[in-house]
Amino acid sequence: MGKMTLGKIRKSFSQNTSCHGLPQMYVSTNKYQRIFWGLTTLDVFAILVAMLTIRIMEYNQNKTTTTFSEKYVEKMDFPAITICNFNNFFNIEEGEERDAIDELAKAKASGTPIDFEKIKYFDTVYNGSIREFAIEKGWQMDEDTLVYCFTEDDECLPHNFTYSITEIGKCWTYKNPPATRRAGTHHGISMVFNIHQDEYSENVGWGNWEAGVKVQIHSPHDVPEVDELGLAVPVGYMGFISVTKKEEKIMYEPWGGCQPDNEELHFYDTYSRPNCFKECFQNELEEYCECKMYYSENPSLTQECTPRETVDCLVNISYFARSYLTPTNCECQPPCHSTVYSSSISYAKLPNKAVEDDVNEGQVSDLAGINVYFERMSYTIQEESKAVTRTGLLSDLGGQLGLWIGISIVTLFEFIQFLLMYCYESIATKLRRKKGSQTSNAAQSTTNKSDTRLGFSQDNV
């Protein structure tokens, strides 16, 4: 085997590499064939660079792919059901009590200054606690209010409901209904309420004009937003509420909008946008008002606002906060995993003529009912994923390299071997030349010395 030179190394690599194009350029004996293969190789390489650039740019755009699937199950757990009466307070006496709630409603609805003398009623009768007043005078869930309530297999009773004080009064939540094994109205939860319309106390200028209930179907882990998202059921009607369930799984940043490291709240065990916004809103009120509103559910150590502080806060801060604060302003990102319940409603007259005579005469004009049922025994799973993963990017890049110029992992090792051999031979060649130059210089120096000595001898002769 002859001695390897740089030219031989280049020729050997070009003729034997698995990279397409180079062997054809060196093997071709015709000049035009070499030009053809040279231009073809350059064109293909340019296309390869463009394709690789496009793939890398797509990866850096952090795009996502959303997939939808339907999961069928044997039983479905009902969501929480929250019901609020359109009326805030009941059995209100004319005089000081009426004046007090009218001023409170005015401050809450309009954000305009009020007569503070009229709200002293809460100080004298309820020790300055509007919350205690709302608990006592709000809509009560008892046997008179809950006319009937049935699930698929059992009866639900007033003690199955828990109350919460909200901006629209005392609301009631049925949180853990039994699961159902079939879809449809006959396998749902039916409730009929006595709304006690004769005890309504809404002000014509600042209160609600409607009669009936508002209902929201929501996750048991979320705070209800009945005032904003509730479905209205008017008095004298039965609302049939069809429910569908969807699980959403979204990507974390920068691919999606969720932030798993920030899904922690102070007052709620489960992170969700409603919980986050509720906490943010109440924190803003507590910070600026330096007290806790009577409808605040935050279990903080902050004291409840006095009646004077309540109306001051409602007039100066709360009205503005309701108009200005949003989930975006509060930095409430969507959760990475959440359960969403969608609902639609249809109505039927309640009661019908056939049973009207059997209903208590005082209740006929006060009935409002709901029937909550699942539309189907399945739920949708919506899941985001990376459109281009690192593994996918590497596979795509490898495919492009292999398709256009035939490069594989083996080819990369060929290039590495070529570079090592080329570098080694380049260094060895330089060293050999340097050594040869030094040897030549030494020989020349020896010859010159010999000639000099010989010259002196002849002169002497």
Protein backbone atom coordinates (compact mmCIF):
# COMPACT_ATOMS: atom_id res chain seq x y z
CA MET A 1 0.00 0.00 0.00
CA GLY A 2 1.47 3.35 -1.02
CA LYS A 3 2.09 6.23 1.28
CA MET A 4 -1.03 8.36 1.97
CA THR A 5 -0.88 11.97 0.90
CA LEU A 6 -3.44 14.76 1.34
CA GLY A 7 -4.52 14.36 -2.26
CA LYS A 8 -4.97 10.62 -1.85
CA ILE A 9 -6.97 11.10 1.37
CA ARG A 10 -9.33 13.56 -0.35
CA LYS A 11 -9.71 11.28 -3.35
CA SER A 12 -10.30 8.18 -1.22
CA PHE A 13 -12.95 9.94 0.87
CA SER A 14 -14.72 11.44 -2.16
CA GLN A 15 -14.85 8.10 -3.97
CA ASN A 16 -15.93 5.96 -1.02
CA THR A 17 -18.17 8.17 1.14
CA SER A 18 -21.84 7.26 1.49
CA CYS A 19 -22.74 10.95 1.03
CA HIS A 20 -24.42 11.26 -2.38
CA GLY A 21 -22.94 13.41 -5.12
CA LEU A 22 -19.25 13.47 -4.22
CA PRO A 23 -18.43 9.96 -5.56
CA GLN A 24 -20.09 10.75 -8.89
CA MET A 25 -18.00 13.91 -9.25
CA TYR A 26 -14.72 12.01 -8.84
CA VAL A 27 -15.67 8.82 -10.68
CA SER A 28 -16.92 10.63 -13.79
CA THR A 29 -14.25 10.78 -16.51
CA ASN A 30 -16.10 13.21 -18.71
CA LYS A 31 -15.71 16.92 -17.92
CA TYR A 32 -19.38 17.64 -18.61
CA GLN A 33 -20.48 14.83 -16.32
CA ARG A 34 -18.40 16.31 -13.54
CA ILE A 35 -19.94 19.74 -14.12
CA PHE A 36 -23.41 18.20 -14.10
CA TRP A 37 -22.84 16.32 -10.83
CA GLY A 38 -21.16 19.34 -9.27
CA LEU A 39 -24.11 21.63 -10.05
CA THR A 40 -26.62 18.96 -9.02
CA THR A 41 -24.86 18.45 -5.68
CA LEU A 42 -24.80 22.21 -5.01
CA ASP A 43 -28.50 22.58 -5.88
CA VAL A 44 -29.50 19.67 -3.67
CA PHE A 45 -27.37 21.01 -0.83
CA ALA A 46 -29.06 24.43 -1.15
CA ILE A 47 -32.51 22.79 -0.99
CA LEU A 48 -31.36 20.79 2.04
CA VAL A 49 -30.25 23.94 3.86
CA ALA A 50 -33.61 25.58 3.12
CA MET A 51 -35.57 22.56 4.38
CA LEU A 52 -33.49 22.31 7.56
CA THR A 53 -33.96 26.03 8.19
CA ILE A 54 -37.74 25.71 7.81
CA ARG A 55 -37.88 22.77 10.22
CA ILE A 56 -35.80 24.56 12.86
CA MET A 57 -37.91 27.73 12.51
CA GLU A 58 -41.11 25.68 12.98
CA TYR A 59 -39.66 24.17 16.14
CA ASN A 60 -38.75 27.60 17.52
CA GLN A 61 -42.29 28.88 16.89
CA ASN A 62 -43.52 26.62 19.73
CA LYS A 63 -46.67 25.55 17.91
CA THR A 64 -49.11 23.08 19.44
CA THR A 65 -51.44 20.41 18.16
CA THR A 66 -54.85 19.93 19.78
CA THR A 67 -56.43 16.47 19.81
CA PHE A 68 -60.01 15.61 20.75
CA SER A 69 -61.13 12.21 21.95
CA GLU A 70 -64.33 10.84 23.47
CA LYS A 71 -64.19 8.57 26.50
CA TYR A 72 -67.23 6.41 27.32
CA VAL A 73 -67.79 5.46 30.95
CA GLU A 74 -70.21 3.32 32.95
CA LYS A 75 -71.13 6.11 35.36
CA MET A 76 -70.82 9.88 35.51
CA ASP A 77 -70.32 11.97 38.63
CA PHE A 78 -72.57 15.01 38.75
CA PRO A 79 -70.98 18.44 39.02
CA ALA A 80 -71.86 20.92 41.74
CA ILE A 81 -75.20 22.70 41.37
CA THR A 82 -75.51 26.20 42.83
CA ILE A 83 -78.87 27.96 43.07
CA CYS A 84 -79.50 31.61 43.95
CA ASN A 85 -82.78 33.45 44.31
CA PHE A 86 -83.15 36.66 42.33
CA ASN A 87 -84.12 38.30 45.62
CA ASN A 88 -81.33 39.13 48.10
CA PHE A 89 -83.16 39.52 51.41
CA PHE A 90 -86.50 38.22 52.69
CA ASN A 91 -89.06 39.26 55.31
CA ILE A 92 -87.84 42.84 55.37
CA GLU A 93 -89.82 45.18 57.59
CA GLU A 94 -90.73 48.63 56.42
CA GLY A 95 -88.85 51.50 58.02
CA GLU A 96 -85.24 51.34 59.15
CA GLU A 97 -84.61 47.83 57.83
CA ARG A 98 -85.99 48.68 54.41
CA ASP A 99 -84.01 51.93 54.24
CA ALA A 100 -80.80 50.11 55.21
CA ILE A 101 -80.99 47.45 52.47
CA ASP A 102 -82.02 50.04 49.87
CA GLU A 103 -78.93 52.12 50.64
CA LEU A 104 -76.77 49.01 50.51
CA ALA A 105 -78.25 48.04 47.12
CA LYS A 106 -77.74 51.59 45.83
CA ALA A 107 -74.07 51.61 46.81
CA LYS A 108 -73.48 48.17 45.29
CA ALA A 109 -75.31 48.86 42.04
CA SER A 110 -74.28 52.41 41.21
CA GLY A 111 -71.18 53.33 43.18
CA THR A 112 -72.78 56.65 44.17
CA PRO A 113 -72.66 58.29 47.64
CA ILE A 114 -75.42 57.29 50.04
CA ASP A 115 -77.02 58.40 53.30
CA PHE A 116 -74.83 56.83 56.00
CA GLU A 117 -77.41 57.47 58.70
CA LYS A 118 -79.70 54.88 57.17
CA ILE A 119 -77.19 52.05 57.44
CA LYS A 120 -76.76 52.48 61.21
CA TYR A 121 -79.51 49.89 61.47
CA PHE A 122 -76.90 47.15 60.95
CA ASP A 123 -74.87 48.52 63.87
CA THR A 124 -77.75 48.65 66.31
CA VAL A 125 -79.45 45.35 65.42
CA TYR A 126 -76.68 43.08 64.08
CA ASN A 127 -73.63 44.41 65.96
CA GLY A 128 -72.24 45.93 62.79
CA SER A 129 -72.17 42.65 60.82
CA ILE A 130 -73.91 42.77 57.44
CA ARG A 131 -72.86 39.14 56.95
CA GLU A 132 -74.93 38.06 59.95
CA PHE A 133 -77.83 40.02 58.52
CA ALA A 134 -77.38 38.28 55.12
CA ILE A 135 -77.28 34.85 56.76
CA GLU A 136 -80.47 35.49 58.72
CA LYS A 137 -82.41 37.40 56.07
CA GLY A 138 -81.14 35.56 52.99
CA TRP A 139 -82.96 32.78 51.12
CA GLN A 140 -83.38 29.85 53.49
CA MET A 141 -83.18 26.22 52.37
CA ASP A 142 -85.76 24.35 54.45
CA GLU A 143 -88.66 21.98 53.88
CA ASP A 144 -90.88 24.89 52.89
CA THR A 145 -88.39 26.12 50.27
CA LEU A 146 -87.33 22.72 48.90
CA VAL A 147 -90.70 21.44 47.68
CA TYR A 148 -89.12 18.27 46.35
CA CYS A 149 -85.70 17.02 45.32
CA PHE A 150 -84.97 13.60 43.82
CA THR A 151 -81.98 11.92 42.27
CA GLU A 152 -82.18 8.75 40.18
CA ASP A 153 -82.25 6.49 43.26
CA ASP A 154 -82.85 8.66 46.30
CA GLU A 155 -84.31 11.82 47.75
CA CYS A 156 -82.19 14.88 48.48
CA LEU A 157 -82.96 16.96 51.55
CA PRO A 158 -82.19 20.51 52.73
CA HIS A 159 -79.20 19.33 54.77
CA ASN A 160 -77.53 18.15 51.53
CA PHE A 161 -77.09 21.81 50.54
CA THR A 162 -74.45 24.21 51.84
CA TYR A 163 -74.83 27.97 51.72
CA SER A 164 -72.46 30.75 50.68
CA ILE A 165 -72.91 34.49 50.98
CA THR A 166 -72.40 36.15 47.61
CA GLU A 167 -72.91 39.57 46.07
CA ILE A 168 -76.40 38.47 44.99
CA GLY A 169 -77.44 37.05 48.34
CA LYS A 170 -77.45 33.70 50.08
CA CYS A 171 -76.93 30.89 47.59
CA TRP A 172 -77.10 27.13 48.04
CA THR A 173 -74.87 24.45 46.53
CA TYR A 174 -75.57 20.74 46.10
CA LYS A 175 -71.96 19.58 45.93
CA ASN A 176 -71.87 15.79 45.96
CA PRO A 177 -74.87 14.39 44.10
CA PRO A 178 -74.78 10.62 43.54
CA ALA A 179 -73.43 9.41 40.23
CA THR A 180 -75.69 8.28 37.42
CA ARG A 181 -75.35 5.30 35.08
CA ARG A 182 -77.60 6.58 32.33
CA ALA A 183 -78.08 9.81 30.42
CA GLY A 184 -81.37 11.67 30.06
CA THR A 185 -83.90 13.59 32.12
CA HIS A 186 -85.26 10.52 33.95
CA HIS A 187 -81.80 9.80 35.33
CA GLY A 188 -80.93 13.31 36.43
CA ILE A 189 -81.62 15.42 39.52
CA SER A 190 -84.99 17.12 39.81
CA MET A 191 -85.62 20.00 42.21
CA VAL A 192 -88.57 22.30 42.73
CA PHE A 193 -88.24 25.39 44.91
CA ASN A 194 -90.61 27.77 46.59
CA ILE A 195 -89.04 31.14 45.84
CA HIS A 196 -91.27 33.00 48.35
CA GLN A 197 -92.10 35.79 45.96
CA ASP A 198 -94.43 37.40 48.48
CA GLU A 199 -91.38 38.07 50.69
CA TYR A 200 -89.32 39.81 47.97
CA SER A 201 -87.69 43.09 48.96
CA GLU A 202 -85.91 44.29 45.82
CA ASN A 203 -85.84 48.03 45.18
CA VAL A 204 -87.31 49.11 41.85
CA GLY A 205 -84.44 51.51 41.27
CA TRP A 206 -81.44 49.44 42.40
CA GLY A 207 -82.58 45.85 42.66
CA ASN A 208 -83.65 42.95 40.43
CA TRP A 209 -86.97 43.01 38.66
CA GLU A 210 -86.95 39.29 37.88
CA ALA A 211 -88.62 36.53 39.87
CA GLY A 212 -87.18 33.03 39.96
CA VAL A 213 -83.77 31.45 40.45
CA LYS A 214 -80.37 31.46 38.77
CA VAL A 215 -78.52 28.16 38.46
CA GLN A 216 -74.91 27.39 37.64
CA ILE A 217 -73.45 23.98 36.89
CA HIS A 218 -69.76 23.98 37.78
CA SER A 219 -66.86 21.90 39.03
CA PRO A 220 -67.07 21.13 42.77
CA HIS A 221 -63.59 22.64 43.10
CA ASP A 222 -64.54 26.02 41.58
CA VAL A 223 -66.24 28.92 43.30
CA PRO A 224 -69.63 29.59 41.72
CA GLU A 225 -70.13 32.62 39.50
CA VAL A 226 -73.90 32.54 39.45
CA ASP A 227 -74.29 36.29 39.09
CA GLU A 228 -72.27 36.26 35.85
CA LEU A 229 -72.74 32.77 34.42
CA GLY A 230 -75.95 31.42 35.96
CA LEU A 231 -78.90 30.19 33.90
CA ALA A 232 -82.17 31.92 34.74
CA VAL A 233 -85.28 29.89 35.55
CA PRO A 234 -88.36 32.09 35.89
CA VAL A 235 -91.09 31.44 38.39
CA GLY A 236 -93.76 29.09 37.02
CA TYR A 237 -91.32 27.12 34.85
CA MET A 238 -89.23 23.96 35.00
CA GLY A 239 -85.76 24.34 33.53
CA PHE A 240 -84.31 21.22 31.90
CA ILE A 241 -80.52 21.65 32.01
CA SER A 242 -78.52 19.37 29.73
CA VAL A 243 -74.90 18.96 30.85
CA THR A 244 -71.78 17.85 28.97
CA LYS A 245 -68.36 17.33 30.48
CA LYS A 246 -64.95 18.14 29.00
CA GLU A 247 -61.46 17.66 30.35
CA GLU A 248 -58.93 20.19 29.12
CA LYS A 249 -55.17 19.62 29.20
CA ILE A 250 -53.10 22.49 27.89
CA MET A 251 -49.36 22.90 27.44
CA TYR A 252 -47.08 24.91 29.68
CA GLU A 253 -45.23 27.98 28.42
CA PRO A 254 -43.85 28.73 25.87
CA TRP A 255 -46.07 26.24 24.01
CA GLY A 256 -49.28 26.90 25.93
CA GLY A 257 -50.73 29.36 28.40
CA CYS A 258 -50.52 27.47 31.70
CA GLN A 259 -47.84 27.94 34.35
CA PRO A 260 -47.58 24.80 36.52
CA ASP A 261 -45.17 26.49 38.94
CA ASN A 262 -47.70 29.26 39.70
CA GLU A 263 -50.78 27.10 40.28
CA GLU A 264 -51.01 27.83 43.98
CA LEU A 265 -53.64 29.90 45.78
CA HIS A 266 -53.80 31.01 49.40
CA PHE A 267 -57.48 30.41 50.06
CA TYR A 268 -58.42 27.61 47.66
CA ASP A 269 -57.06 24.09 47.46
CA THR A 270 -57.56 23.76 43.70
CA TYR A 271 -56.24 26.21 41.14
CA SER A 272 -58.69 27.41 38.52
CA ARG A 273 -59.32 30.70 36.79
CA PRO A 274 -62.55 31.41 38.74
CA ASN A 275 -60.79 30.66 42.05
CA CYS A 276 -57.78 32.78 41.11
CA PHE A 277 -59.90 35.74 40.02
CA LYS A 278 -62.13 35.51 43.08
CA GLU A 279 -59.10 35.52 45.36
CA CYS A 280 -57.52 38.41 43.45
CA PHE A 281 -60.72 40.48 43.54
CA GLN A 282 -61.24 39.98 47.27
CA ASN A 283 -57.56 40.63 48.00
CA GLU A 284 -57.79 43.93 46.13
CA LEU A 285 -60.83 44.96 48.18
CA GLU A 286 -59.17 43.95 51.44
CA GLU A 287 -55.97 45.82 50.55
CA TYR A 288 -57.66 49.10 49.70
CA CYS A 289 -60.55 48.90 52.14
CA GLU A 290 -58.41 47.43 54.96
CA CYS A 291 -61.26 45.11 55.88
CA LYS A 292 -63.16 42.12 54.49
CA MET A 293 -66.45 42.48 52.63
CA TYR A 294 -69.44 40.69 54.09
CA TYR A 295 -69.67 38.38 51.07
CA SER A 296 -65.96 37.50 51.08
CA GLU A 297 -65.24 33.78 51.41
CA ASN A 298 -61.50 34.31 51.99
CA PRO A 299 -60.64 32.66 55.33
CA SER A 300 -58.17 35.44 56.09
CA LEU A 301 -57.64 37.03 59.50
CA THR A 302 -58.85 40.40 58.22
CA GLN A 303 -61.87 41.69 60.13
CA GLU A 304 -65.22 42.12 58.42
CA CYS A 305 -65.95 45.66 57.28
CA THR A 306 -68.26 47.71 59.42
CA PRO A 307 -71.41 48.94 57.68
CA ARG A 308 -69.79 52.37 57.14
CA GLU A 309 -66.61 50.77 55.76
CA THR A 310 -68.73 48.47 53.59
CA VAL A 311 -70.55 51.24 51.79
CA ASP A 312 -67.38 53.35 51.54
CA CYS A 313 -65.63 50.40 49.93
CA LEU A 314 -68.58 49.68 47.64
CA VAL A 315 -68.79 53.30 46.52
CA ASN A 316 -65.08 54.04 46.13
CA ILE A 317 -63.40 50.74 45.32
CA SER A 318 -65.72 47.81 44.63
CA TYR A 319 -67.62 49.41 41.76
CA PHE A 320 -64.34 50.41 40.11
CA ALA A 321 -62.74 47.01 40.77
CA ARG A 322 -65.66 45.16 39.17
CA SER A 323 -65.24 47.30 36.05
CA TYR A 324 -61.45 47.20 35.89
CA LEU A 325 -60.21 43.87 37.24
CA THR A 326 -60.06 40.95 34.81
CA PRO A 327 -58.42 37.51 34.95
CA THR A 328 -55.67 38.94 32.74
CA ASN A 329 -55.03 41.88 35.06
CA CYS A 330 -54.91 39.46 37.96
CA GLU A 331 -52.45 37.25 36.06
CA CYS A 332 -54.82 34.29 36.31
CA GLN A 333 -53.47 31.89 33.72
CA PRO A 334 -55.57 28.93 32.55
CA PRO A 335 -54.90 25.76 34.56
CA CYS A 336 -52.86 22.98 32.96
CA HIS A 337 -55.64 20.48 33.70
CA SER A 338 -59.26 21.39 34.28
CA THR A 339 -62.76 19.97 34.07
CA VAL A 340 -65.35 22.12 32.31
CA TYR A 341 -69.11 21.58 32.34
CA SER A 342 -71.20 23.10 29.57
CA SER A 343 -74.94 23.42 29.94
CA SER A 344 -77.97 24.34 27.87
CA ILE A 345 -81.51 24.86 29.07
CA SER A 346 -85.07 24.42 27.86
CA TYR A 347 -88.30 25.13 29.70
CA ALA A 348 -91.70 23.66 30.49
CA LYS A 349 -94.64 25.25 32.33
CA LEU A 350 -94.88 24.44 36.04
CA PRO A 351 -97.27 23.18 37.29
CA ASN A 352 -99.68 21.91 34.69
CA LYS A 353 -103.44 22.15 35.06
CA ALA A 354 -103.84 18.48 36.03
CA VAL A 355 -101.73 18.75 39.18
CA GLU A 356 -102.31 22.38 40.03
CA ASP A 357 -105.18 21.54 42.37
CA ASP A 358 -102.94 19.17 44.33
CA VAL A 359 -100.31 21.84 44.95
CA ASN A 360 -100.54 24.05 48.01
CA GLU A 361 -102.54 27.08 46.95
CA GLY A 362 -99.91 29.49 48.31
CA GLN A 363 -97.14 27.83 46.32
CA VAL A 364 -98.65 27.76 42.84
CA SER A 365 -97.34 31.21 41.91
CA ASP A 366 -93.97 30.67 43.66
CA LEU A 367 -92.64 27.48 42.08
CA ALA A 368 -89.48 27.26 39.99
CA GLY A 369 -87.79 23.96 39.21
CA ILE A 370 -84.76 22.45 37.53
CA ASN A 371 -83.89 19.04 36.13
CA VAL A 372 -80.14 18.54 35.69
CA TYR A 373 -79.05 15.58 33.55
CA PHE A 374 -76.17 14.39 31.40
CA GLU A 375 -76.63 14.56 27.66
CA ARG A 376 -74.50 11.44 27.09
CA MET A 377 -72.50 8.89 29.07
CA SER A 378 -69.16 10.11 27.83
CA TYR A 379 -66.94 13.13 28.09
CA THR A 380 -64.57 14.90 25.74
CA ILE A 381 -60.84 15.05 26.33
CA GLN A 382 -59.15 18.06 24.75
CA GLU A 383 -55.38 17.79 24.94
CA GLU A 384 -52.62 20.04 23.65
CA SER A 385 -49.21 18.69 22.72
CA LYS A 386 -46.09 20.03 21.05
CA ALA A 387 -46.49 20.18 17.29
CA VAL A 388 -42.74 19.54 16.94
CA THR A 389 -40.90 17.73 19.74
CA ARG A 390 -37.14 17.49 20.07
CA THR A 391 -37.29 13.84 19.07
CA GLY A 392 -39.49 14.75 16.13
CA LEU A 393 -37.14 17.55 15.12
CA LEU A 394 -34.11 15.23 15.19
CA SER A 395 -36.01 12.60 13.20
CA ASP A 396 -37.09 15.22 10.67
CA LEU A 397 -33.58 16.60 10.30
CA GLY A 398 -32.20 13.07 9.86
CA GLY A 399 -34.86 12.29 7.28
CA GLN A 400 -34.07 15.44 5.31
CA LEU A 401 -30.33 14.73 5.39
CA GLY A 402 -30.91 11.16 4.26
CA LEU A 403 -33.39 12.10 1.56
CA TRP A 404 -31.39 14.84 -0.15
CA ILE A 405 -27.72 13.83 0.23
CA GLY A 406 -27.82 10.42 1.88
CA ILE A 407 -26.20 11.47 5.18
CA SER A 408 -26.66 9.13 8.14
CA ILE A 409 -24.88 8.60 11.45
CA VAL A 410 -22.39 6.36 9.66
CA THR A 411 -21.70 9.19 7.20
CA LEU A 412 -20.96 11.54 10.08
CA PHE A 413 -18.34 9.12 11.35
CA GLU A 414 -16.90 9.00 7.84
CA PHE A 415 -16.53 12.79 7.89
CA ILE A 416 -14.94 12.65 11.35
CA GLN A 417 -12.48 10.00 10.17
CA PHE A 418 -11.68 12.07 7.08
CA LEU A 419 -11.05 15.22 9.13
CA LEU A 420 -8.84 13.40 11.63
CA MET A 421 -6.81 11.74 8.88
CA TYR A 422 -6.55 14.98 6.92
CA CYS A 423 -5.45 16.99 9.95
CA TYR A 424 -3.00 14.30 10.99
CA GLU A 425 -1.47 14.08 7.53
CA SER A 426 -1.32 17.90 7.23
CA ILE A 427 0.60 18.15 10.49
CA ALA A 428 2.83 15.20 9.56
CA THR A 429 3.59 16.76 6.17
CA LYS A 430 4.56 20.07 7.78
CA LEU A 431 6.79 18.26 10.29
CA ARG A 432 8.45 16.25 7.50
CA ARG A 433 9.06 19.39 5.48
CA LYS A 434 10.49 21.17 8.50
CA LYS A 435 12.74 18.23 9.31
CA GLY A 436 13.85 17.96 5.66
CA SER A 437 14.60 21.67 5.56
CA GLN A 438 16.66 21.41 8.71
CA THR A 439 18.59 18.39 7.32
CA SER A 440 19.24 20.22 4.05
CA ASN A 441 20.48 23.30 5.88
CA ALA A 442 22.76 21.18 8.05
CA ALA A 443 24.24 19.39 5.01
CA GLN A 444 24.80 22.70 3.25
CA SER A 445 26.51 24.09 6.31
CA THR A 446 28.83 21.07 6.50
CA THR A 447 29.75 21.41 2.80
CA ASN A 448 30.54 25.10 3.24
CA LYS A 449 32.81 24.35 6.16
CA SER A 450 34.67 21.68 4.20
CA ASP A 451 35.15 24.02 1.26
CA THR A 452 36.50 26.71 3.52
CA ARG A 453 39.05 24.42 5.09
CA LEU A 454 40.13 23.17 1.68
CA GLY A 455 40.60 26.76 0.45
CA PHE A 456 42.93 27.62 3.27
CA SER A 457 45.09 24.56 2.51
CA GLN A 458 45.57 25.52 -1.12
CA ASP A 459 46.57 29.06 -0.22
CA ASN A 460 49.15 27.75 2.09
CA VAL A 461 50.59 25.60 -0.65
